[in-house]
Amino acid sequence: MEETTVIEYENQDKSMRLLKILNISFMSLLILTVGVLSFLLYNAYTGKFISKDVTVIQANAPANALQPSIETIKRYAREPFSLTAYAPKFSDNIDEKLVFYDSTYGEVWMPLLKDVPLNTIDNSKYHSAENGFKYYVEDDKIKSLVGIDVSAHNGDIDWKKVKAAGVDFAFVRIGLRTYGTGIAKFDDSYKKNIKGATDAGLKVGVYFFSQAVTVEEALEESNMLLNAIDIFDITFPVVYDWEVIYDDEARTDDVKVEDFTDCAIAFCENVKNNGYVPMIYAGRKLCYLKYDLSRLAEYDFWIADYNKEASYYYDYKVWQYSAEGKIDGIKGAVDL
């Protein structure tokens, strides 16, 4: 009787040890499975298993997957939209260089981006008039328009005289964000300038001087602008004008390229979804060094390039060639 009891206890002990081993194996397999699934889901959401060429920010993306998320956009934009982020593609041909002059380094170069439309304008067809205006002449016909941009800094403008001086269009500043405190506010003269330019027969576009550091701020600026122009007939593009502050410390000094480009896209998409033509204003150097141009290829550009010839490599629709223009009807210098 005692021997049988000992054998039964030994058998029970073996069964318990086997059960513990099975439990440990099952739990290890479960943890490994959860880990693999988590890894796959994370990589799928972050685009690592999507085509290297394009990553689409989906409407159902988790809040921590890609920034800015579509949920953030919907909270701030007048109309929802999606962002498509294209990875930059560089030319593998060493002879395809983008060369420009830098005040610190002198002549510098970088590889030319593929899939970003190139400038195809023939500089030899630009002609300067005695009044400082430039014209693009082809087949003995002027194929360009003369334009200016204005803000409250230009004071009271006699728009009839501006029109009579040969100006065809004007970009009017709607508002600005301060670079120190980050407060967004309206230009004091935007209503007067839009009405005056429109009544004089000029084509009118508008712009917002941005110092956005987040997508939320860029959308706040675009919504301010869209609400302000709703009562006007805007016939030229609506422009995102973000500029570097050179002579002072600014809250925008450390904005990353990705965030910087996201802000421009958010502004432009909101503008486009509200029925206007978006455009980006920038200096030539800022475009080369700060924007991810591969993600902005679908938008028109207004380029500030103060050289005798337009030297910007990529496609542009507006060339700002002077900040010292003199026009009847405006006191002081004006951009041409």
C-alpha atoms as a PDB file:
ATOM      1  CA  MET A   1       0.000   0.000   0.000  1.00  0.00           C
ATOM      2  CA  GLU A   2       2.777   2.518   0.858  1.00  0.00           C
ATOM      3  CA  GLU A   3       4.777   1.678  -2.314  1.00  0.00           C
ATOM      4  CA  THR A   4       1.733   2.306  -4.513  1.00  0.00           C
ATOM      5  CA  THR A   5       1.183   5.688  -2.867  1.00  0.00           C
ATOM      6  CA  VAL A   6       4.808   6.732  -3.518  1.00  0.00           C
ATOM      7  CA  ILE A   7       4.520   5.784  -7.204  1.00  0.00           C
ATOM      8  CA  GLU A   8       1.292   7.795  -7.548  1.00  0.00           C
ATOM      9  CA  TYR A   9       2.966  10.856  -5.969  1.00  0.00           C
ATOM     10  CA  GLU A  10       5.922  10.511  -8.336  1.00  0.00           C
ATOM     11  CA  ASN A  11       3.578  10.303 -11.349  1.00  0.00           C
ATOM     12  CA  GLN A  12       1.664  13.378 -10.142  1.00  0.00           C
ATOM     13  CA  ASP A  13       4.951  15.277  -9.691  1.00  0.00           C
ATOM     14  CA  LYS A  14       6.041  14.410 -13.237  1.00  0.00           C
ATOM     15  CA  SER A  15       2.654  15.552 -14.581  1.00  0.00           C
ATOM     16  CA  MET A  16       2.934  18.858 -12.747  1.00  0.00           C
ATOM     17  CA  ARG A  17       6.461  19.475 -14.078  1.00  0.00           C
ATOM     18  CA  LEU A  18       5.310  18.659 -17.648  1.00  0.00           C
ATOM     19  CA  LEU A  19       2.338  21.016 -17.278  1.00  0.00           C
ATOM     20  CA  LYS A  20       4.621  23.833 -16.071  1.00  0.00           C
ATOM     21  CA  ILE A  21       6.919  23.281 -19.059  1.00  0.00           C
ATOM     22  CA  LEU A  22       3.955  23.414 -21.444  1.00  0.00           C
ATOM     23  CA  ASN A  23       2.659  26.583 -19.773  1.00  0.00           C
ATOM     24  CA  ILE A  24       6.056  28.285 -20.045  1.00  0.00           C
ATOM     25  CA  SER A  25       6.379  27.241 -23.710  1.00  0.00           C
ATOM     26  CA  PHE A  26       2.883  28.522 -24.498  1.00  0.00           C
ATOM     27  CA  MET A  27       3.522  31.866 -22.805  1.00  0.00           C
ATOM     28  CA  SER A  28       6.868  32.269 -24.601  1.00  0.00           C
ATOM     29  CA  LEU A  29       5.216  31.532 -27.942  1.00  0.00           C
ATOM     30  CA  LEU A  30       2.405  33.986 -27.146  1.00  0.00           C
ATOM     31  CA  ILE A  31       4.865  36.764 -26.213  1.00  0.00           C
ATOM     32  CA  LEU A  32       6.921  36.102 -29.367  1.00  0.00           C
ATOM     33  CA  THR A  33       3.770  36.209 -31.550  1.00  0.00           C
ATOM     34  CA  VAL A  34       2.589  39.478 -29.993  1.00  0.00           C
ATOM     35  CA  GLY A  35       6.048  40.959 -30.455  1.00  0.00           C
ATOM     36  CA  VAL A  36       6.240  39.976 -34.141  1.00  0.00           C
ATOM     37  CA  LEU A  37       2.720  41.285 -34.840  1.00  0.00           C
ATOM     38  CA  SER A  38       3.501  44.558 -33.054  1.00  0.00           C
ATOM     39  CA  PHE A  39       6.685  44.955 -35.086  1.00  0.00           C
ATOM     40  CA  LEU A  40       4.845  44.288 -38.364  1.00  0.00           C
ATOM     41  CA  LEU A  41       2.006  46.670 -37.524  1.00  0.00           C
ATOM     42  CA  TYR A  42       4.404  49.421 -36.432  1.00  0.00           C
ATOM     43  CA  ASN A  43       6.436  49.146 -39.617  1.00  0.00           C
ATOM     44  CA  ALA A  44       3.310  49.049 -41.753  1.00  0.00           C
ATOM     45  CA  TYR A  45       1.906  52.186 -40.141  1.00  0.00           C
ATOM     46  CA  THR A  46       5.176  54.070 -40.356  1.00  0.00           C
ATOM     47  CA  GLY A  47       5.485  53.296 -44.039  1.00  0.00           C
ATOM     48  CA  LYS A  48       8.525  51.006 -43.854  1.00  0.00           C
ATOM     49  CA  PHE A  49       6.682  48.256 -45.729  1.00  0.00           C
ATOM     50  CA  ILE A  50       5.000  50.678 -48.132  1.00  0.00           C
ATOM     51  CA  SER A  51       6.663  51.748 -51.365  1.00  0.00           C
ATOM     52  CA  LYS A  52       9.819  53.733 -50.706  1.00  0.00           C
ATOM     53  CA  ASP A  53       8.643  56.349 -53.184  1.00  0.00           C
ATOM     54  CA  VAL A  54       5.433  57.400 -51.465  1.00  0.00           C
ATOM     55  CA  THR A  55       3.915  57.294 -48.003  1.00  0.00           C
ATOM     56  CA  VAL A  56       0.250  58.209 -47.696  1.00  0.00           C
ATOM     57  CA  ILE A  57      -1.092  59.568 -44.430  1.00  0.00           C
ATOM     58  CA  GLN A  58      -4.410  57.759 -44.160  1.00  0.00           C
ATOM     59  CA  ALA A  59      -7.507  59.112 -42.452  1.00  0.00           C
ATOM     60  CA  ASN A  60      -7.545  56.135 -40.059  1.00  0.00           C
ATOM     61  CA  ALA A  61      -3.867  56.354 -39.095  1.00  0.00           C
ATOM     62  CA  PRO A  62      -3.208  56.198 -35.336  1.00  0.00           C
ATOM     63  CA  ALA A  63      -2.447  59.511 -33.685  1.00  0.00           C
ATOM     64  CA  ASN A  64       1.161  58.529 -33.009  1.00  0.00           C
ATOM     65  CA  ALA A  65       1.913  57.041 -36.435  1.00  0.00           C
ATOM     66  CA  LEU A  66       2.749  59.919 -38.748  1.00  0.00           C
ATOM     67  CA  GLN A  67       2.626  63.612 -38.046  1.00  0.00           C
ATOM     68  CA  PRO A  68       0.685  65.610 -38.891  1.00  0.00           C
ATOM     69  CA  SER A  69      -2.231  63.167 -38.634  1.00  0.00           C
ATOM     70  CA  ILE A  70      -5.409  63.680 -40.636  1.00  0.00           C
ATOM     71  CA  GLU A  71      -7.308  64.067 -37.351  1.00  0.00           C
ATOM     72  CA  THR A  72      -5.183  67.122 -36.546  1.00  0.00           C
ATOM     73  CA  ILE A  73      -5.888  68.516 -39.995  1.00  0.00           C
ATOM     74  CA  LYS A  74      -9.662  68.068 -39.603  1.00  0.00           C
ATOM     75  CA  ARG A  75      -9.676  69.983 -36.333  1.00  0.00           C
ATOM     76  CA  TYR A  76      -8.112  73.057 -37.869  1.00  0.00           C
ATOM     77  CA  ALA A  77      -8.824  73.042 -41.616  1.00  0.00           C
ATOM     78  CA  ARG A  78     -12.042  74.380 -43.102  1.00  0.00           C
ATOM     79  CA  GLU A  79     -12.139  71.272 -45.305  1.00  0.00           C
ATOM     80  CA  PRO A  80     -10.417  67.917 -44.567  1.00  0.00           C
ATOM     81  CA  PHE A  81      -7.667  66.704 -46.866  1.00  0.00           C
ATOM     82  CA  SER A  82      -4.916  64.114 -47.044  1.00  0.00           C
ATOM     83  CA  LEU A  83      -1.162  64.640 -47.210  1.00  0.00           C
ATOM     84  CA  THR A  84       1.052  62.677 -49.576  1.00  0.00           C
ATOM     85  CA  ALA A  85       4.712  62.739 -48.581  1.00  0.00           C
ATOM     86  CA  TYR A  86       7.115  61.958 -51.409  1.00  0.00           C
ATOM     87  CA  ALA A  87      10.615  60.842 -50.523  1.00  0.00           C
ATOM     88  CA  PRO A  88      13.277  63.012 -52.155  1.00  0.00           C
ATOM     89  CA  LYS A  89      14.949  61.498 -55.205  1.00  0.00           C
ATOM     90  CA  PHE A  90      18.411  62.634 -56.196  1.00  0.00           C
ATOM     91  CA  SER A  91      20.073  62.365 -59.552  1.00  0.00           C
ATOM     92  CA  ASP A  92      22.762  59.695 -59.713  1.00  0.00           C
ATOM     93  CA  ASN A  93      24.423  61.550 -62.586  1.00  0.00           C
ATOM     94  CA  ILE A  94      27.284  63.519 -61.051  1.00  0.00           C
ATOM     95  CA  ASP A  95      27.179  65.971 -63.987  1.00  0.00           C
ATOM     96  CA  GLU A  96      23.644  67.087 -63.093  1.00  0.00           C
ATOM     97  CA  LYS A  97      24.519  69.705 -60.505  1.00  0.00           C
ATOM     98  CA  LEU A  98      22.626  72.587 -59.002  1.00  0.00           C
ATOM     99  CA  VAL A  99      25.136  75.432 -58.626  1.00  0.00           C
ATOM    100  CA  PHE A 100      24.507  78.684 -56.793  1.00  0.00           C
ATOM    101  CA  TYR A 101      26.414  81.397 -54.944  1.00  0.00           C
ATOM    102  CA  ASP A 102      26.385  81.544 -51.143  1.00  0.00           C
ATOM    103  CA  SER A 103      27.576  84.624 -49.263  1.00  0.00           C
ATOM    104  CA  THR A 104      29.587  82.460 -46.847  1.00  0.00           C
ATOM    105  CA  TYR A 105      30.906  79.609 -49.013  1.00  0.00           C
ATOM    106  CA  GLY A 106      30.941  81.245 -52.416  1.00  0.00           C
ATOM    107  CA  GLU A 107      29.992  78.889 -55.234  1.00  0.00           C
ATOM    108  CA  VAL A 108      28.339  75.729 -53.920  1.00  0.00           C
ATOM    109  CA  TRP A 109      26.621  72.793 -55.582  1.00  0.00           C
ATOM    110  CA  MET A 110      24.315  69.917 -54.767  1.00  0.00           C
ATOM    111  CA  PRO A 111      22.764  67.069 -56.781  1.00  0.00           C
ATOM    112  CA  LEU A 112      19.789  68.062 -58.903  1.00  0.00           C
ATOM    113  CA  LEU A 113      16.481  66.620 -57.712  1.00  0.00           C
ATOM    114  CA  LYS A 114      14.651  64.234 -59.995  1.00  0.00           C
ATOM    115  CA  ASP A 115      10.865  64.524 -60.421  1.00  0.00           C
ATOM    116  CA  VAL A 116      10.889  68.228 -59.578  1.00  0.00           C
ATOM    117  CA  PRO A 117       9.933  70.254 -62.688  1.00  0.00           C
ATOM    118  CA  LEU A 118      12.871  72.234 -64.046  1.00  0.00           C
ATOM    119  CA  ASN A 119      12.930  75.859 -65.122  1.00  0.00           C
ATOM    120  CA  THR A 120      12.485  75.911 -68.908  1.00  0.00           C
ATOM    121  CA  ILE A 121      12.332  79.692 -69.328  1.00  0.00           C
ATOM    122  CA  ASP A 122      14.784  81.210 -71.802  1.00  0.00           C
ATOM    123  CA  ASN A 123      16.529  84.073 -69.968  1.00  0.00           C
ATOM    124  CA  SER A 124      17.546  85.667 -73.273  1.00  0.00           C
ATOM    125  CA  LYS A 125      13.886  86.525 -73.841  1.00  0.00           C
ATOM    126  CA  TYR A 126      13.706  88.735 -70.734  1.00  0.00           C
ATOM    127  CA  HIS A 127      13.978  92.462 -71.536  1.00  0.00           C
ATOM    128  CA  SER A 128      14.301  95.378 -69.103  1.00  0.00           C
ATOM    129  CA  ALA A 129      12.445  98.652 -69.673  1.00  0.00           C
ATOM    130  CA  GLU A 130      13.619 102.117 -68.605  1.00  0.00           C
ATOM    131  CA  ASN A 131      11.138 102.142 -65.705  1.00  0.00           C
ATOM    132  CA  GLY A 132      12.753  99.015 -64.222  1.00  0.00           C
ATOM    133  CA  PHE A 133      10.047  96.587 -65.345  1.00  0.00           C
ATOM    134  CA  LYS A 134      11.071  93.300 -66.936  1.00  0.00           C
ATOM    135  CA  TYR A 135       9.144  91.727 -69.790  1.00  0.00           C
ATOM    136  CA  TYR A 136       9.297  88.267 -71.348  1.00  0.00           C
ATOM    137  CA  VAL A 137       9.159  88.721 -75.119  1.00  0.00           C
ATOM    138  CA  GLU A 138       8.569  85.875 -77.550  1.00  0.00           C
ATOM    139  CA  ASP A 139       7.775  86.200 -81.270  1.00  0.00           C
ATOM    140  CA  ASP A 140       7.719  89.995 -80.794  1.00  0.00           C
ATOM    141  CA  LYS A 141       4.915  89.697 -78.258  1.00  0.00           C
ATOM    142  CA  ILE A 142       4.996  90.306 -74.498  1.00  0.00           C
ATOM    143  CA  LYS A 143       4.145  86.996 -72.816  1.00  0.00           C
ATOM    144  CA  SER A 144       4.458  88.156 -69.205  1.00  0.00           C
ATOM    145  CA  LEU A 145       2.617  90.361 -66.702  1.00  0.00           C
ATOM    146  CA  VAL A 146       4.037  93.072 -64.429  1.00  0.00           C
ATOM    147  CA  GLY A 147       3.223  92.714 -60.748  1.00  0.00           C
ATOM    148  CA  ILE A 148       3.926  94.089 -57.283  1.00  0.00           C
ATOM    149  CA  ASP A 149       3.275  93.011 -53.698  1.00  0.00           C
ATOM    150  CA  VAL A 150       2.030  95.408 -51.033  1.00  0.00           C
ATOM    151  CA  SER A 151       1.204  95.645 -47.348  1.00  0.00           C
ATOM    152  CA  ALA A 152       0.424  98.307 -44.778  1.00  0.00           C
ATOM    153  CA  HIS A 153       4.099  99.328 -44.956  1.00  0.00           C
ATOM    154  CA  ASN A 154       3.475 100.833 -48.397  1.00  0.00           C
ATOM    155  CA  GLY A 155       1.056 103.381 -46.948  1.00  0.00           C
ATOM    156  CA  ASP A 156      -1.860 104.830 -48.918  1.00  0.00           C
ATOM    157  CA  ILE A 157      -1.742 103.701 -52.543  1.00  0.00           C
ATOM    158  CA  ASP A 158      -3.280 105.464 -55.540  1.00  0.00           C
ATOM    159  CA  TRP A 159      -4.278 102.336 -57.436  1.00  0.00           C
ATOM    160  CA  LYS A 160      -5.452 104.156 -60.550  1.00  0.00           C
ATOM    161  CA  LYS A 161      -1.953 105.614 -60.948  1.00  0.00           C
ATOM    162  CA  VAL A 162      -0.442 102.172 -60.330  1.00  0.00           C
ATOM    163  CA  LYS A 163      -2.589 100.704 -63.083  1.00  0.00           C
ATOM    164  CA  ALA A 164      -1.737 103.590 -65.434  1.00  0.00           C
ATOM    165  CA  ALA A 165       1.981 102.961 -64.737  1.00  0.00           C
ATOM    166  CA  GLY A 166       1.655  99.542 -66.373  1.00  0.00           C
ATOM    167  CA  VAL A 167       1.128  97.208 -63.418  1.00  0.00           C
ATOM    168  CA  ASP A 168      -1.087  94.210 -64.224  1.00  0.00           C
ATOM    169  CA  PHE A 169      -1.407  92.424 -60.882  1.00  0.00           C
ATOM    170  CA  ALA A 170      -0.796  92.827 -57.161  1.00  0.00           C
ATOM    171  CA  PHE A 171      -0.295  90.454 -54.268  1.00  0.00           C
ATOM    172  CA  VAL A 172      -1.848  91.932 -51.106  1.00  0.00           C
ATOM    173  CA  ARG A 173      -0.705  90.863 -47.652  1.00  0.00           C
ATOM    174  CA  ILE A 174      -3.643  89.627 -45.587  1.00  0.00           C
ATOM    175  CA  GLY A 175      -1.836  89.025 -42.338  1.00  0.00           C
ATOM    176  CA  LEU A 176       1.299  87.967 -40.544  1.00  0.00           C
ATOM    177  CA  ARG A 177       2.568  85.996 -37.581  1.00  0.00           C
ATOM    178  CA  THR A 178       5.136  87.683 -35.352  1.00  0.00           C
ATOM    179  CA  TYR A 179       8.493  85.900 -35.170  1.00  0.00           C
ATOM    180  CA  GLY A 180       8.994  86.621 -31.467  1.00  0.00           C
ATOM    181  CA  THR A 181       5.663  85.985 -29.744  1.00  0.00           C
ATOM    182  CA  GLY A 182       4.043  83.948 -32.512  1.00  0.00           C
ATOM    183  CA  ILE A 183       0.844  86.021 -32.564  1.00  0.00           C
ATOM    184  CA  ALA A 184      -1.101  85.888 -35.844  1.00  0.00           C
ATOM    185  CA  LYS A 185      -2.830  89.123 -36.860  1.00  0.00           C
ATOM    186  CA  PHE A 186      -4.321  90.877 -39.889  1.00  0.00           C
ATOM    187  CA  ASP A 187      -2.614  93.504 -42.020  1.00  0.00           C
ATOM    188  CA  ASP A 188      -4.217  96.872 -41.271  1.00  0.00           C
ATOM    189  CA  SER A 189      -4.582  97.754 -44.969  1.00  0.00           C
ATOM    190  CA  TYR A 190      -5.629  94.488 -46.632  1.00  0.00           C
ATOM    191  CA  LYS A 191      -9.296  95.435 -47.220  1.00  0.00           C
ATOM    192  CA  LYS A 192      -8.410  98.851 -48.614  1.00  0.00           C
ATOM    193  CA  ASN A 193      -5.690  97.426 -50.856  1.00  0.00           C
ATOM    194  CA  ILE A 194      -7.780  94.577 -52.267  1.00  0.00           C
ATOM    195  CA  LYS A 195     -10.682  96.889 -53.049  1.00  0.00           C
ATOM    196  CA  GLY A 196      -8.451  99.602 -54.518  1.00  0.00           C
ATOM    197  CA  ALA A 197      -6.524  97.182 -56.736  1.00  0.00           C
ATOM    198  CA  THR A 198      -9.679  95.389 -57.884  1.00  0.00           C
ATOM    199  CA  ASP A 199     -11.539  98.623 -58.649  1.00  0.00           C
ATOM    200  CA  ALA A 200      -8.546  99.853 -60.687  1.00  0.00           C
ATOM    201  CA  GLY A 201      -8.700  96.745 -62.841  1.00  0.00           C
ATOM    202  CA  LEU A 202      -5.679  94.819 -61.519  1.00  0.00           C
ATOM    203  CA  LYS A 203      -5.625  91.064 -61.041  1.00  0.00           C
ATOM    204  CA  VAL A 204      -5.369  90.439 -57.287  1.00  0.00           C
ATOM    205  CA  GLY A 205      -3.689  87.674 -55.336  1.00  0.00           C
ATOM    206  CA  VAL A 206      -3.059  87.526 -51.589  1.00  0.00           C
ATOM    207  CA  TYR A 207      -0.416  86.228 -49.209  1.00  0.00           C
ATOM    208  CA  PHE A 208       0.143  85.539 -45.524  1.00  0.00           C
ATOM    209  CA  PHE A 209       3.535  86.212 -43.942  1.00  0.00           C
ATOM    210  CA  SER A 210       4.001  83.007 -41.976  1.00  0.00           C
ATOM    211  CA  GLN A 211       6.189  82.177 -39.034  1.00  0.00           C
ATOM    212  CA  ALA A 212       4.442  78.876 -38.395  1.00  0.00           C
ATOM    213  CA  VAL A 213       6.358  76.219 -36.495  1.00  0.00           C
ATOM    214  CA  THR A 214       3.589  73.585 -36.556  1.00  0.00           C
ATOM    215  CA  VAL A 215       0.901  72.393 -38.956  1.00  0.00           C
ATOM    216  CA  GLU A 216      -1.712  73.740 -36.543  1.00  0.00           C
ATOM    217  CA  GLU A 217      -0.265  77.244 -36.862  1.00  0.00           C
ATOM    218  CA  ALA A 218      -0.063  77.025 -40.669  1.00  0.00           C
ATOM    219  CA  LEU A 219      -3.715  75.994 -40.772  1.00  0.00           C
ATOM    220  CA  GLU A 220      -4.685  78.814 -38.415  1.00  0.00           C
ATOM    221  CA  GLU A 221      -3.004  81.247 -40.826  1.00  0.00           C
ATOM    222  CA  SER A 222      -4.695  79.787 -43.890  1.00  0.00           C
ATOM    223  CA  ASN A 223      -8.105  79.870 -42.191  1.00  0.00           C
ATOM    224  CA  MET A 224      -7.596  83.501 -41.167  1.00  0.00           C
ATOM    225  CA  LEU A 225      -6.751  84.337 -44.763  1.00  0.00           C
ATOM    226  CA  LEU A 226      -9.629  82.318 -46.269  1.00  0.00           C
ATOM    227  CA  ASN A 227     -12.180  83.937 -43.979  1.00  0.00           C
ATOM    228  CA  ALA A 228     -10.786  87.404 -44.790  1.00  0.00           C
ATOM    229  CA  ILE A 229     -10.968  87.047 -48.591  1.00  0.00           C
ATOM    230  CA  ASP A 230     -14.342  85.324 -48.722  1.00  0.00           C
ATOM    231  CA  ILE A 231     -16.113  88.580 -49.706  1.00  0.00           C
ATOM    232  CA  PHE A 232     -13.580  89.529 -52.411  1.00  0.00           C
ATOM    233  CA  ASP A 233     -12.996  88.419 -55.985  1.00  0.00           C
ATOM    234  CA  ILE A 234      -9.491  86.948 -55.815  1.00  0.00           C
ATOM    235  CA  THR A 235      -8.239  86.280 -59.348  1.00  0.00           C
ATOM    236  CA  PHE A 236      -4.588  85.404 -58.680  1.00  0.00           C
ATOM    237  CA  PRO A 237      -2.996  82.789 -56.367  1.00  0.00           C
ATOM    238  CA  VAL A 238      -3.202  82.582 -52.575  1.00  0.00           C
ATOM    239  CA  VAL A 239       0.361  82.475 -51.291  1.00  0.00           C
ATOM    240  CA  TYR A 240       2.209  80.930 -48.348  1.00  0.00           C
ATOM    241  CA  ASP A 241       5.086  83.307 -47.520  1.00  0.00           C
ATOM    242  CA  TRP A 242       7.437  81.847 -44.884  1.00  0.00           C
ATOM    243  CA  GLU A 243      10.729  83.678 -44.454  1.00  0.00           C
ATOM    244  CA  VAL A 244      13.907  83.297 -42.416  1.00  0.00           C
ATOM    245  CA  ILE A 245      14.535  86.043 -39.841  1.00  0.00           C
ATOM    246  CA  TYR A 246      18.169  87.023 -40.382  1.00  0.00           C
ATOM    247  CA  ASP A 247      18.774  89.988 -38.073  1.00  0.00           C
ATOM    248  CA  ASP A 248      17.216  88.777 -34.817  1.00  0.00           C
ATOM    249  CA  GLU A 249      16.479  85.663 -32.779  1.00  0.00           C
ATOM    250  CA  ALA A 250      13.201  84.044 -33.817  1.00  0.00           C
ATOM    251  CA  ARG A 251      10.984  81.229 -32.585  1.00  0.00           C
ATOM    252  CA  THR A 252      11.355  79.734 -36.083  1.00  0.00           C
ATOM    253  CA  ASP A 253      15.156  79.395 -35.976  1.00  0.00           C
ATOM    254  CA  ASP A 254      15.150  75.634 -35.331  1.00  0.00           C
ATOM    255  CA  VAL A 255      12.241  74.448 -37.483  1.00  0.00           C
ATOM    256  CA  LYS A 256      13.120  71.091 -39.080  1.00  0.00           C
ATOM    257  CA  VAL A 257      12.879  70.558 -42.852  1.00  0.00           C
ATOM    258  CA  GLU A 258      10.107  67.968 -42.450  1.00  0.00           C
ATOM    259  CA  ASP A 259       8.013  70.245 -40.221  1.00  0.00           C
ATOM    260  CA  PHE A 260       8.764  73.253 -42.413  1.00  0.00           C
ATOM    261  CA  THR A 261       7.527  71.414 -45.507  1.00  0.00           C
ATOM    262  CA  ASP A 262       4.508  69.967 -43.668  1.00  0.00           C
ATOM    263  CA  CYS A 263       3.423  73.514 -42.795  1.00  0.00           C
ATOM    264  CA  ALA A 264       3.587  74.614 -46.435  1.00  0.00           C
ATOM    265  CA  ILE A 265       1.602  71.566 -47.582  1.00  0.00           C
ATOM    266  CA  ALA A 266      -1.063  72.056 -44.919  1.00  0.00           C
ATOM    267  CA  PHE A 267      -1.497  75.727 -45.872  1.00  0.00           C
ATOM    268  CA  CYS A 268      -1.614  75.014 -49.626  1.00  0.00           C
ATOM    269  CA  GLU A 269      -3.974  72.043 -49.371  1.00  0.00           C
ATOM    270  CA  ASN A 270      -6.424  74.018 -47.250  1.00  0.00           C
ATOM    271  CA  VAL A 271      -6.304  76.827 -49.814  1.00  0.00           C
ATOM    272  CA  LYS A 272      -6.787  74.420 -52.726  1.00  0.00           C
ATOM    273  CA  ASN A 273      -9.709  72.636 -51.047  1.00  0.00           C
ATOM    274  CA  ASN A 274     -11.453  75.981 -50.681  1.00  0.00           C
ATOM    275  CA  GLY A 275     -11.341  76.715 -54.406  1.00  0.00           C
ATOM    276  CA  TYR A 276      -8.229  78.892 -54.716  1.00  0.00           C
ATOM    277  CA  VAL A 277      -4.899  78.346 -56.450  1.00  0.00           C
ATOM    278  CA  PRO A 278      -2.142  77.875 -53.842  1.00  0.00           C
ATOM    279  CA  MET A 279       1.379  79.191 -54.327  1.00  0.00           C
ATOM    280  CA  ILE A 280       4.586  79.244 -52.267  1.00  0.00           C
ATOM    281  CA  TYR A 281       6.794  82.337 -51.980  1.00  0.00           C
ATOM    282  CA  ALA A 282      10.453  81.863 -51.074  1.00  0.00           C
ATOM    283  CA  GLY A 283      13.940  83.058 -51.751  1.00  0.00           C
ATOM    284  CA  ARG A 284      16.003  80.893 -54.056  1.00  0.00           C
ATOM    285  CA  LYS A 285      18.417  79.773 -51.326  1.00  0.00           C
ATOM    286  CA  LEU A 286      15.626  78.981 -48.887  1.00  0.00           C
ATOM    287  CA  CYS A 287      14.040  76.688 -51.507  1.00  0.00           C
ATOM    288  CA  TYR A 288      17.279  74.812 -52.041  1.00  0.00           C
ATOM    289  CA  LEU A 289      18.260  74.405 -48.401  1.00  0.00           C
ATOM    290  CA  LYS A 290      15.088  74.433 -46.301  1.00  0.00           C
ATOM    291  CA  TYR A 291      12.190  72.985 -48.336  1.00  0.00           C
ATOM    292  CA  ASP A 292      11.837  69.340 -49.316  1.00  0.00           C
ATOM    293  CA  LEU A 293      11.001  70.300 -52.920  1.00  0.00           C
ATOM    294  CA  SER A 294      10.155  66.722 -53.908  1.00  0.00           C
ATOM    295  CA  ARG A 295       7.051  66.978 -51.730  1.00  0.00           C
ATOM    296  CA  LEU A 296       6.066  70.374 -53.158  1.00  0.00           C
ATOM    297  CA  ALA A 297       6.306  69.632 -56.880  1.00  0.00           C
ATOM    298  CA  GLU A 298       2.578  70.099 -57.482  1.00  0.00           C
ATOM    299  CA  TYR A 299       2.523  73.713 -56.214  1.00  0.00           C
ATOM    300  CA  ASP A 300       3.433  76.874 -58.112  1.00  0.00           C
ATOM    301  CA  PHE A 301       6.333  78.983 -56.844  1.00  0.00           C
ATOM    302  CA  TRP A 302       6.946  82.716 -56.585  1.00  0.00           C
ATOM    303  CA  ILE A 303      10.713  83.108 -56.361  1.00  0.00           C
ATOM    304  CA  ALA A 304      12.680  86.067 -55.011  1.00  0.00           C
ATOM    305  CA  ASP A 305      15.949  86.131 -56.978  1.00  0.00           C
ATOM    306  CA  TYR A 306      17.674  89.514 -57.177  1.00  0.00           C
ATOM    307  CA  ASN A 307      19.987  88.808 -60.095  1.00  0.00           C
ATOM    308  CA  LYS A 308      20.194  90.142 -63.644  1.00  0.00           C
ATOM    309  CA  GLU A 309      18.916  86.777 -64.809  1.00  0.00           C
ATOM    310  CA  ALA A 310      16.524  84.362 -63.145  1.00  0.00           C
ATOM    311  CA  SER A 311      18.883  81.683 -61.834  1.00  0.00           C
ATOM    312  CA  TYR A 312      16.443  79.391 -60.003  1.00  0.00           C
ATOM    313  CA  TYR A 313      16.836  75.853 -61.359  1.00  0.00           C
ATOM    314  CA  TYR A 314      13.292  74.611 -60.830  1.00  0.00           C
ATOM    315  CA  ASP A 315       9.978  75.694 -62.310  1.00  0.00           C
ATOM    316  CA  TYR A 316       8.473  78.979 -61.141  1.00  0.00           C
ATOM    317  CA  LYS A 317       5.476  81.109 -62.126  1.00  0.00           C
ATOM    318  CA  VAL A 318       6.428  84.477 -60.589  1.00  0.00           C
ATOM    319  CA  TRP A 319       9.906  86.034 -60.504  1.00  0.00           C
ATOM    320  CA  GLN A 320      10.473  88.807 -57.942  1.00  0.00           C
ATOM    321  CA  TYR A 321      13.535  90.499 -59.410  1.00  0.00           C
ATOM    322  CA  SER A 322      13.718  93.760 -57.437  1.00  0.00           C
ATOM    323  CA  ALA A 323      12.873  95.226 -54.046  1.00  0.00           C
ATOM    324  CA  GLU A 324      13.668  98.768 -55.186  1.00  0.00           C
ATOM    325  CA  GLY A 325      10.903  99.449 -57.710  1.00  0.00           C
ATOM    326  CA  LYS A 326       9.578 102.982 -58.162  1.00  0.00           C
ATOM    327  CA  ILE A 327       5.968 103.299 -59.299  1.00  0.00           C
ATOM    328  CA  ASP A 328       3.690 106.302 -59.612  1.00  0.00           C
ATOM    329  CA  GLY A 329       0.987 106.044 -56.955  1.00  0.00           C
ATOM    330  CA  ILE A 330       3.203 104.385 -54.300  1.00  0.00           C
ATOM    331  CA  LYS A 331       5.561 106.281 -52.002  1.00  0.00           C
ATOM    332  CA  GLY A 332       8.904 104.577 -51.467  1.00  0.00           C
ATOM    333  CA  ALA A 333      10.291 101.339 -52.860  1.00  0.00           C
ATOM    334  CA  VAL A 334       8.125  98.396 -53.883  1.00  0.00           C
ATOM    335  CA  ASP A 335       8.843  94.819 -54.925  1.00  0.00           C
ATOM    336  CA  LEU A 336       8.624  94.132 -58.684  1.00  0.00           C
END
